[in-house]
Each structure stands twice: as structure tokens, then as C-alpha cells.
């Protein structure tokens, strides 16, 4: 099934990928660094999820993930590729993966989708909102308009 992410989820993914890259390049412990970054928005539990997806991305494609800078508005090619993988739009890309890691990446992507829905959905308004905006939804489903009682979450420095 293919999913389309809400802007909140997309920016969570991009921000996490960029900060994952920064932590890796600096030699900092990645999960604690990501946790501190995400926990400011109530999404700290996503740290190990993003760490596994990003680590598998690099290992599976046998190259370094190219992330944009934290202040860039545009997405790098790898960032667009990552979002497409999470949305299920690039199922053919896994075929180019290191064969021994392909099934692990499929599991990591499914886990990331579930965790994004669970964690970010609660931060955005989730069950407490009368008509919450979905974090992501099947592409074939009609899109719902967010209700006025949903609290927007903005990811910034």
C-alpha cells in the first residue's frame, strides 16, 4: 500500500535525517542526539526508528546519505528518496538494495510508518481532536481537512 505523508510527518523525517547526518559526521552518539532533538516536540521515541532506517539506507545502497543543511528549505535527492521509500512509492528501490539487507529495510520502513502515525499523530492532536488531520493516509483515501482544534507542531531550532 502507498501512503502520502502530511507536512508535519515529512518535516519530521527530513529534520531527523539531517540531524542524524550531523551527529554521525561529528562522531556523536546518534540516538541520544536524535532523542534530544525530537523530544522537544514530544517525539523522542522516534530516535531509534530513524537511526535504523538511516543506517540501513546507507548500508543497503552502499553509500553515504546526502542530507541538506538544517536551514535549507529544499530537499536533497536522498531526502526525497527517503520520503518516497517511507510513503511506499519507491518499492522498486529496495530491489537495488544489498540483498542481505532488503527484508530488514522493509521491516524498518513499516515500523517507521507505524511509529510516525503513533507518535506524531499524538503530538498533532490525535485522539483528543474531534476531527484530526491524518499523519499519513492511503493515497486512494479522500483527504480530510484539519479541524480548528488541532495544535500545529512546527519543527525549528
N, C-alpha and C. Protein backbone atom coordinates (compact mmCIF):
# COMPACT_ATOMS: atom_id res chain seq x y z
N UNK A 1 0.85 -1.17 0.00
CA UNK A 1 0.00 0.00 0.00
C UNK A 1 0.90 1.23 0.00
N UNK A 2 0.46 2.25 -0.69
CA UNK A 2 1.21 3.50 -0.75
C UNK A 2 0.58 4.52 0.18
N UNK A 3 1.39 5.34 0.84
CA UNK A 3 0.93 6.35 1.77
C UNK A 3 1.39 7.72 1.31
N UNK A 4 0.64 8.73 1.68
CA UNK A 4 1.05 10.12 1.45
C UNK A 4 1.17 10.76 2.82
N UNK A 5 2.31 11.34 3.11
CA UNK A 5 2.56 11.92 4.42
C UNK A 5 2.02 13.34 4.52
N UNK A 6 1.62 13.71 5.71
CA UNK A 6 1.25 15.09 6.00
C UNK A 6 2.53 15.92 6.06
N UNK A 7 2.43 17.23 5.93
CA UNK A 7 3.64 18.07 6.05
C UNK A 7 4.37 17.90 7.38
N UNK A 8 3.65 17.70 8.46
CA UNK A 8 4.30 17.50 9.76
C UNK A 8 5.19 16.27 9.75
N UNK A 9 4.69 15.18 9.19
CA UNK A 9 5.48 13.95 9.13
C UNK A 9 6.68 14.11 8.20
N UNK A 10 6.47 14.76 7.05
CA UNK A 10 7.58 14.95 6.11
C UNK A 10 8.70 15.75 6.76
N UNK A 11 8.34 16.84 7.42
CA UNK A 11 9.39 17.65 8.05
C UNK A 11 10.03 16.93 9.23
N UNK A 12 9.31 16.09 9.90
CA UNK A 12 9.91 15.29 10.97
C UNK A 12 10.96 14.35 10.38
N UNK A 13 10.63 13.72 9.27
CA UNK A 13 11.56 12.81 8.59
C UNK A 13 12.79 13.57 8.12
N UNK A 14 12.59 14.70 7.44
CA UNK A 14 13.71 15.47 6.89
C UNK A 14 14.59 16.02 8.01
N UNK A 15 13.97 16.61 9.03
CA UNK A 15 14.73 17.16 10.15
C UNK A 15 15.54 16.06 10.84
N UNK A 16 14.93 14.91 11.02
CA UNK A 16 15.63 13.79 11.66
C UNK A 16 16.78 13.29 10.81
N UNK A 17 16.57 13.18 9.51
CA UNK A 17 17.64 12.72 8.61
C UNK A 17 18.81 13.69 8.64
N UNK A 18 18.52 14.97 8.63
CA UNK A 18 19.59 15.98 8.64
C UNK A 18 20.37 15.95 9.96
N UNK A 19 19.66 15.82 11.05
CA UNK A 19 20.35 15.78 12.34
C UNK A 19 21.05 14.44 12.58
N UNK A 20 20.53 13.38 12.01
CA UNK A 20 21.22 12.10 12.04
C UNK A 20 22.57 12.23 11.35
N UNK A 21 22.57 12.85 10.17
CA UNK A 21 23.80 13.05 9.40
C UNK A 21 24.80 13.90 10.19
N UNK A 22 24.32 14.97 10.82
CA UNK A 22 25.19 15.85 11.60
C UNK A 22 25.83 15.08 12.75
N UNK A 23 25.02 14.31 13.48
CA UNK A 23 25.54 13.54 14.61
C UNK A 23 26.56 12.50 14.14
N UNK A 24 26.27 11.81 13.06
CA UNK A 24 27.20 10.80 12.53
C UNK A 24 28.52 11.44 12.13
N UNK A 25 28.43 12.57 11.40
CA UNK A 25 29.65 13.24 10.94
C UNK A 25 30.48 13.78 12.10
N UNK A 26 29.81 14.20 13.17
CA UNK A 26 30.51 14.76 14.33
C UNK A 26 31.05 13.66 15.25
N UNK A 27 30.64 12.41 15.01
CA UNK A 27 31.06 11.31 15.86
C UNK A 27 30.30 11.25 17.18
N UNK A 28 29.17 11.97 17.24
CA UNK A 28 28.33 11.96 18.44
C UNK A 28 27.48 10.70 18.48
N UNK A 29 27.07 10.25 19.66
CA UNK A 29 26.13 9.13 19.73
C UNK A 29 24.81 9.56 19.05
N UNK A 30 24.41 8.84 18.03
CA UNK A 30 23.30 9.27 17.17
C UNK A 30 21.95 9.23 17.89
N UNK A 31 21.62 8.12 18.52
CA UNK A 31 20.29 8.01 19.13
C UNK A 31 20.06 9.03 20.23
N UNK A 32 21.00 9.22 21.17
CA UNK A 32 20.76 10.25 22.19
C UNK A 32 20.63 11.65 21.58
N UNK A 33 21.42 11.93 20.55
CA UNK A 33 21.35 13.23 19.89
C UNK A 33 19.99 13.43 19.22
N UNK A 34 19.54 12.41 18.49
CA UNK A 34 18.22 12.49 17.85
C UNK A 34 17.11 12.57 18.89
N UNK A 35 17.24 11.81 19.95
CA UNK A 35 16.23 11.82 21.00
C UNK A 35 16.06 13.23 21.57
N UNK A 36 17.19 13.88 21.90
CA UNK A 36 17.11 15.25 22.44
C UNK A 36 16.43 16.18 21.45
N UNK A 37 16.74 16.04 20.20
CA UNK A 37 16.15 16.89 19.15
C UNK A 37 14.64 16.63 19.04
N UNK A 38 14.25 15.39 18.97
CA UNK A 38 12.84 15.04 18.76
C UNK A 38 11.99 15.21 20.02
N UNK A 39 12.59 15.00 21.17
CA UNK A 39 11.82 15.06 22.41
C UNK A 39 11.29 16.47 22.68
N UNK A 40 11.93 17.48 22.14
CA UNK A 40 11.41 18.85 22.29
C UNK A 40 10.01 18.96 21.71
N UNK A 41 9.68 18.05 20.80
CA UNK A 41 8.36 18.06 20.15
C UNK A 41 7.51 16.87 20.59
N UNK A 42 7.94 16.17 21.64
CA UNK A 42 7.20 15.03 22.14
C UNK A 42 7.35 13.79 21.29
N UNK A 43 8.39 13.73 20.45
CA UNK A 43 8.56 12.61 19.53
C UNK A 43 9.89 11.90 19.71
N UNK A 44 10.44 11.93 20.91
CA UNK A 44 11.74 11.33 21.18
C UNK A 44 11.82 9.84 20.89
N UNK A 45 10.70 9.14 21.03
CA UNK A 45 10.70 7.70 20.78
C UNK A 45 10.98 7.33 19.33
N UNK A 46 10.98 8.32 18.45
CA UNK A 46 11.29 8.06 17.04
C UNK A 46 12.80 7.94 16.78
N UNK A 47 13.62 8.31 17.75
CA UNK A 47 15.08 8.30 17.55
C UNK A 47 15.61 6.94 17.08
N UNK A 48 15.31 5.83 17.75
CA UNK A 48 15.85 4.55 17.27
C UNK A 48 15.25 4.14 15.92
N UNK A 49 14.02 4.56 15.66
CA UNK A 49 13.38 4.24 14.38
C UNK A 49 14.15 4.91 13.25
N UNK A 50 14.41 6.20 13.39
CA UNK A 50 15.14 6.92 12.35
C UNK A 50 16.58 6.43 12.24
N UNK A 51 17.19 6.12 13.35
CA UNK A 51 18.56 5.62 13.31
C UNK A 51 18.64 4.33 12.49
N UNK A 52 17.69 3.42 12.72
CA UNK A 52 17.74 2.16 11.95
C UNK A 52 17.47 2.37 10.48
N UNK A 53 16.48 3.20 10.15
CA UNK A 53 16.16 3.44 8.73
C UNK A 53 17.36 4.09 8.04
N UNK A 54 17.96 5.07 8.69
CA UNK A 54 19.09 5.78 8.07
C UNK A 54 20.32 4.87 7.94
N UNK A 55 20.60 4.08 8.97
CA UNK A 55 21.74 3.17 8.92
C UNK A 55 21.53 2.14 7.82
N UNK A 56 20.31 1.60 7.71
CA UNK A 56 20.02 0.63 6.66
C UNK A 56 20.05 1.28 5.28
N UNK A 57 19.63 2.53 5.17
CA UNK A 57 19.69 3.24 3.89
C UNK A 57 21.13 3.26 3.39
N UNK A 58 22.05 3.67 4.26
CA UNK A 58 23.45 3.74 3.85
C UNK A 58 24.04 2.36 3.56
N UNK A 59 23.76 1.41 4.41
CA UNK A 59 24.31 0.06 4.22
C UNK A 59 23.71 -0.61 2.99
N UNK A 60 22.41 -0.45 2.81
CA UNK A 60 21.73 -1.10 1.70
C UNK A 60 22.09 -0.53 0.34
N UNK A 61 22.22 0.79 0.26
CA UNK A 61 22.59 1.43 -1.01
C UNK A 61 24.10 1.55 -1.16
N UNK A 62 24.84 1.13 -0.12
CA UNK A 62 26.30 1.12 -0.12
C UNK A 62 26.90 2.49 -0.43
N UNK A 63 26.31 3.51 0.18
CA UNK A 63 26.84 4.87 0.02
C UNK A 63 26.34 5.75 1.15
N UNK A 64 26.96 6.88 1.28
CA UNK A 64 26.64 7.86 2.31
C UNK A 64 25.33 8.56 1.97
N UNK A 65 24.48 8.78 2.98
CA UNK A 65 23.24 9.54 2.80
C UNK A 65 23.60 11.01 2.66
N UNK A 66 23.11 11.65 1.60
CA UNK A 66 23.39 13.07 1.37
C UNK A 66 22.20 13.90 1.87
N UNK A 67 22.42 14.58 2.98
CA UNK A 67 21.36 15.40 3.59
C UNK A 67 21.62 16.87 3.34
N UNK A 68 20.54 17.64 3.29
CA UNK A 68 20.66 19.09 3.20
C UNK A 68 21.06 19.65 4.55
N UNK A 69 21.36 20.94 4.58
CA UNK A 69 21.69 21.57 5.85
C UNK A 69 20.40 21.82 6.63
N UNK A 70 20.51 21.96 7.96
CA UNK A 70 19.30 22.15 8.77
C UNK A 70 18.45 23.36 8.38
N UNK A 71 19.05 24.37 7.76
CA UNK A 71 18.31 25.58 7.41
C UNK A 71 17.79 25.59 5.97
N UNK A 72 18.13 24.57 5.18
CA UNK A 72 17.66 24.51 3.80
C UNK A 72 16.17 24.20 3.74
N UNK A 73 15.49 24.87 2.85
CA UNK A 73 14.06 24.60 2.67
C UNK A 73 13.87 23.46 1.67
N UNK A 74 14.68 23.43 0.63
CA UNK A 74 14.58 22.38 -0.38
C UNK A 74 15.14 21.06 0.13
N UNK A 75 14.72 19.98 -0.51
CA UNK A 75 15.16 18.65 -0.12
C UNK A 75 16.26 18.16 -1.06
N UNK A 76 17.22 17.43 -0.50
CA UNK A 76 18.23 16.78 -1.33
C UNK A 76 17.59 15.59 -2.04
N UNK A 77 18.29 15.06 -3.02
CA UNK A 77 17.78 13.88 -3.74
C UNK A 77 17.57 12.70 -2.79
N UNK A 78 18.52 12.50 -1.87
CA UNK A 78 18.39 11.40 -0.92
C UNK A 78 17.22 11.62 0.04
N UNK A 79 16.98 12.86 0.43
CA UNK A 79 15.84 13.15 1.32
C UNK A 79 14.53 12.86 0.60
N UNK A 80 14.42 13.24 -0.66
CA UNK A 80 13.21 12.91 -1.43
C UNK A 80 13.06 11.40 -1.57
N UNK A 81 14.19 10.73 -1.79
CA UNK A 81 14.18 9.27 -1.93
C UNK A 81 13.72 8.62 -0.62
N UNK A 82 14.20 9.11 0.51
CA UNK A 82 13.82 8.58 1.82
C UNK A 82 12.32 8.74 2.05
N UNK A 83 11.77 9.92 1.78
CA UNK A 83 10.33 10.15 1.95
C UNK A 83 9.54 9.22 1.02
N UNK A 84 10.01 9.07 -0.22
CA UNK A 84 9.32 8.18 -1.17
C UNK A 84 9.34 6.73 -0.66
N UNK A 85 10.46 6.30 -0.09
CA UNK A 85 10.52 4.94 0.47
C UNK A 85 9.52 4.78 1.61
N UNK A 86 9.45 5.78 2.49
CA UNK A 86 8.52 5.71 3.61
C UNK A 86 7.07 5.76 3.14
N UNK A 87 6.82 6.47 2.07
CA UNK A 87 5.46 6.54 1.53
C UNK A 87 5.08 5.28 0.75
N UNK A 88 6.08 4.44 0.46
CA UNK A 88 5.82 3.23 -0.31
C UNK A 88 5.80 3.47 -1.80
N UNK A 89 6.25 4.65 -2.23
CA UNK A 89 6.22 4.99 -3.65
C UNK A 89 7.41 4.41 -4.41
N UNK A 90 8.45 3.99 -3.73
CA UNK A 90 9.67 3.51 -4.39
C UNK A 90 9.95 2.05 -4.01
N UNK A 91 8.97 1.20 -4.17
CA UNK A 91 9.18 -0.21 -3.81
C UNK A 91 10.26 -0.85 -4.69
N UNK A 92 10.43 -0.35 -5.91
CA UNK A 92 11.47 -0.88 -6.80
C UNK A 92 12.88 -0.57 -6.29
N UNK A 93 13.01 0.48 -5.49
CA UNK A 93 14.33 0.87 -4.98
C UNK A 93 14.93 -0.20 -4.07
N UNK A 94 14.09 -0.91 -3.35
CA UNK A 94 14.59 -1.96 -2.46
C UNK A 94 15.24 -3.08 -3.27
N UNK A 95 14.84 -3.23 -4.51
CA UNK A 95 15.44 -4.27 -5.37
C UNK A 95 16.91 -3.96 -5.66
N UNK A 96 17.31 -2.70 -5.57
CA UNK A 96 18.71 -2.31 -5.78
C UNK A 96 19.51 -2.36 -4.48
N UNK A 97 18.85 -2.73 -3.42
CA UNK A 97 19.46 -2.81 -2.09
C UNK A 97 20.41 -3.99 -2.01
N UNK A 98 21.33 -3.92 -1.07
CA UNK A 98 22.16 -5.08 -0.74
C UNK A 98 21.19 -6.21 -0.40
N UNK A 99 21.22 -7.33 -1.13
CA UNK A 99 20.21 -8.38 -0.94
C UNK A 99 20.04 -8.86 0.50
N UNK A 100 21.11 -8.93 1.26
CA UNK A 100 21.00 -9.43 2.63
C UNK A 100 20.30 -8.43 3.56
N UNK A 101 20.13 -7.18 3.11
CA UNK A 101 19.51 -6.15 3.95
C UNK A 101 18.11 -5.73 3.49
N UNK A 102 17.67 -6.24 2.35
CA UNK A 102 16.39 -5.79 1.78
C UNK A 102 15.21 -6.07 2.72
N UNK A 103 15.13 -7.26 3.28
CA UNK A 103 13.99 -7.55 4.16
C UNK A 103 14.07 -6.74 5.45
N UNK A 104 15.27 -6.50 5.95
CA UNK A 104 15.42 -5.67 7.16
C UNK A 104 14.94 -4.24 6.87
N UNK A 105 15.24 -3.73 5.68
CA UNK A 105 14.80 -2.37 5.33
C UNK A 105 13.28 -2.32 5.19
N UNK A 106 12.67 -3.32 4.61
CA UNK A 106 11.20 -3.35 4.50
C UNK A 106 10.56 -3.30 5.90
N UNK A 107 11.11 -4.07 6.81
CA UNK A 107 10.60 -4.09 8.18
C UNK A 107 10.82 -2.74 8.85
N UNK A 108 12.00 -2.15 8.68
CA UNK A 108 12.30 -0.84 9.27
C UNK A 108 11.37 0.23 8.72
N UNK A 109 11.08 0.20 7.43
CA UNK A 109 10.16 1.18 6.83
C UNK A 109 8.75 1.02 7.38
N UNK A 110 8.29 -0.23 7.49
CA UNK A 110 6.96 -0.46 8.06
C UNK A 110 6.89 0.00 9.51
N UNK A 111 7.93 -0.29 10.27
CA UNK A 111 7.99 0.14 11.66
C UNK A 111 7.99 1.66 11.75
N UNK A 112 8.73 2.32 10.87
CA UNK A 112 8.77 3.78 10.87
C UNK A 112 7.39 4.36 10.57
N UNK A 113 6.67 3.78 9.62
CA UNK A 113 5.31 4.26 9.31
C UNK A 113 4.41 4.16 10.54
N UNK A 114 4.47 3.01 11.20
CA UNK A 114 3.63 2.78 12.38
C UNK A 114 3.99 3.76 13.49
N UNK A 115 5.27 3.92 13.74
CA UNK A 115 5.71 4.83 14.80
C UNK A 115 5.40 6.28 14.48
N UNK A 116 5.57 6.67 13.22
CA UNK A 116 5.22 8.04 12.84
C UNK A 116 3.74 8.31 13.10
N UNK A 117 2.91 7.38 12.70
CA UNK A 117 1.47 7.54 12.93
C UNK A 117 1.17 7.62 14.42
N UNK A 118 1.78 6.75 15.19
CA UNK A 118 1.53 6.71 16.62
C UNK A 118 2.04 7.96 17.35
N UNK A 119 3.29 8.30 17.13
CA UNK A 119 3.92 9.39 17.88
C UNK A 119 3.50 10.76 17.38
N UNK A 120 3.66 11.02 16.11
CA UNK A 120 3.34 12.34 15.58
C UNK A 120 1.84 12.58 15.62
N UNK A 121 1.05 11.54 15.41
CA UNK A 121 -0.40 11.69 15.50
C UNK A 121 -0.82 12.21 16.86
N UNK A 122 -0.18 11.74 17.92
CA UNK A 122 -0.50 12.22 19.27
C UNK A 122 -0.05 13.66 19.46
N UNK A 123 1.12 14.02 18.92
CA UNK A 123 1.64 15.37 19.08
C UNK A 123 0.75 16.37 18.35
N UNK A 124 0.29 16.00 17.16
CA UNK A 124 -0.54 16.91 16.36
C UNK A 124 -1.93 17.06 16.95
N UNK A 125 -2.43 16.08 17.61
CA UNK A 125 -3.75 16.21 18.20
C UNK A 125 -4.42 14.88 18.40
N UNK A 126 -4.08 13.93 17.55
CA UNK A 126 -4.52 12.55 17.66
C UNK A 126 -5.94 12.36 18.16
N UNK A 127 -6.08 11.52 19.16
CA UNK A 127 -7.39 11.11 19.63
C UNK A 127 -8.15 12.23 20.35
N UNK A 128 -7.45 13.21 20.89
CA UNK A 128 -8.15 14.25 21.62
C UNK A 128 -8.85 15.24 20.69
N UNK A 129 -8.43 15.28 19.43
CA UNK A 129 -9.07 16.19 18.47
C UNK A 129 -10.32 15.52 17.91
N UNK A 130 -11.37 16.32 17.69
CA UNK A 130 -12.61 15.74 17.20
C UNK A 130 -12.50 15.25 15.76
N UNK A 131 -11.69 15.91 14.94
CA UNK A 131 -11.51 15.52 13.55
C UNK A 131 -10.05 15.76 13.18
N UNK A 132 -9.12 14.95 13.69
CA UNK A 132 -7.71 15.22 13.49
C UNK A 132 -7.29 15.05 12.04
N UNK A 133 -6.30 15.82 11.63
CA UNK A 133 -5.70 15.65 10.32
C UNK A 133 -4.86 14.38 10.37
N UNK A 134 -4.94 13.54 9.37
CA UNK A 134 -4.16 12.31 9.41
C UNK A 134 -2.67 12.59 9.23
N UNK A 135 -1.85 11.77 9.86
CA UNK A 135 -0.42 11.88 9.68
C UNK A 135 -0.07 11.41 8.27
N UNK A 136 -0.57 10.27 7.91
CA UNK A 136 -0.49 9.82 6.53
C UNK A 136 -1.72 8.97 6.27
N UNK A 137 -2.03 8.78 5.04
CA UNK A 137 -3.25 8.08 4.68
C UNK A 137 -3.03 7.39 3.35
N UNK A 138 -3.79 6.32 3.08
CA UNK A 138 -3.65 5.69 1.77
C UNK A 138 -3.95 6.72 0.69
N UNK A 139 -3.19 6.69 -0.39
CA UNK A 139 -3.35 7.67 -1.46
C UNK A 139 -4.76 7.63 -2.04
N UNK A 140 -5.40 6.48 -2.03
CA UNK A 140 -6.74 6.37 -2.60
C UNK A 140 -7.82 6.96 -1.69
N UNK A 141 -7.51 7.19 -0.42
CA UNK A 141 -8.50 7.72 0.52
C UNK A 141 -8.66 9.22 0.31
N UNK A 142 -9.88 9.74 0.52
CA UNK A 142 -10.06 11.19 0.40
C UNK A 142 -9.35 11.90 1.54
N UNK A 143 -8.76 13.06 1.24
CA UNK A 143 -8.06 13.81 2.27
C UNK A 143 -9.07 14.57 3.12
N UNK A 144 -8.81 14.60 4.44
CA UNK A 144 -9.65 15.35 5.36
C UNK A 144 -9.00 16.68 5.67
N UNK A 145 -9.80 17.67 5.89
CA UNK A 145 -9.30 18.98 6.28
C UNK A 145 -9.05 18.96 7.79
N UNK A 146 -7.95 19.58 8.25
CA UNK A 146 -7.70 19.61 9.69
C UNK A 146 -8.76 20.45 10.41
N UNK A 147 -9.09 20.02 11.60
CA UNK A 147 -10.07 20.77 12.38
C UNK A 147 -9.38 21.93 13.08
N UNK A 148 -10.12 22.97 13.45
CA UNK A 148 -9.51 24.14 14.06
C UNK A 148 -8.92 23.86 15.45
N UNK A 149 -9.31 22.74 16.10
CA UNK A 149 -8.78 22.48 17.43
C UNK A 149 -7.50 21.65 17.43
N UNK A 150 -6.92 21.40 16.24
CA UNK A 150 -5.65 20.67 16.16
C UNK A 150 -4.52 21.65 16.42
N UNK A 151 -3.58 21.25 17.24
CA UNK A 151 -2.45 22.11 17.58
C UNK A 151 -1.34 21.83 16.58
N UNK A 152 -0.95 22.85 15.78
CA UNK A 152 0.13 22.61 14.81
C UNK A 152 1.46 22.47 15.52
N UNK A 153 2.32 21.62 14.99
CA UNK A 153 3.65 21.43 15.54
C UNK A 153 4.64 21.93 14.51
N UNK A 154 5.51 22.84 14.90
CA UNK A 154 6.50 23.41 13.99
C UNK A 154 7.87 22.98 14.44
N UNK A 155 8.65 22.45 13.51
CA UNK A 155 9.99 21.99 13.81
C UNK A 155 10.98 23.04 13.41
N UNK A 156 11.55 23.70 14.38
CA UNK A 156 12.55 24.73 14.13
C UNK A 156 13.61 24.66 15.20
N UNK A 157 14.61 25.46 15.05
CA UNK A 157 15.71 25.48 16.01
C UNK A 157 15.34 26.24 17.24
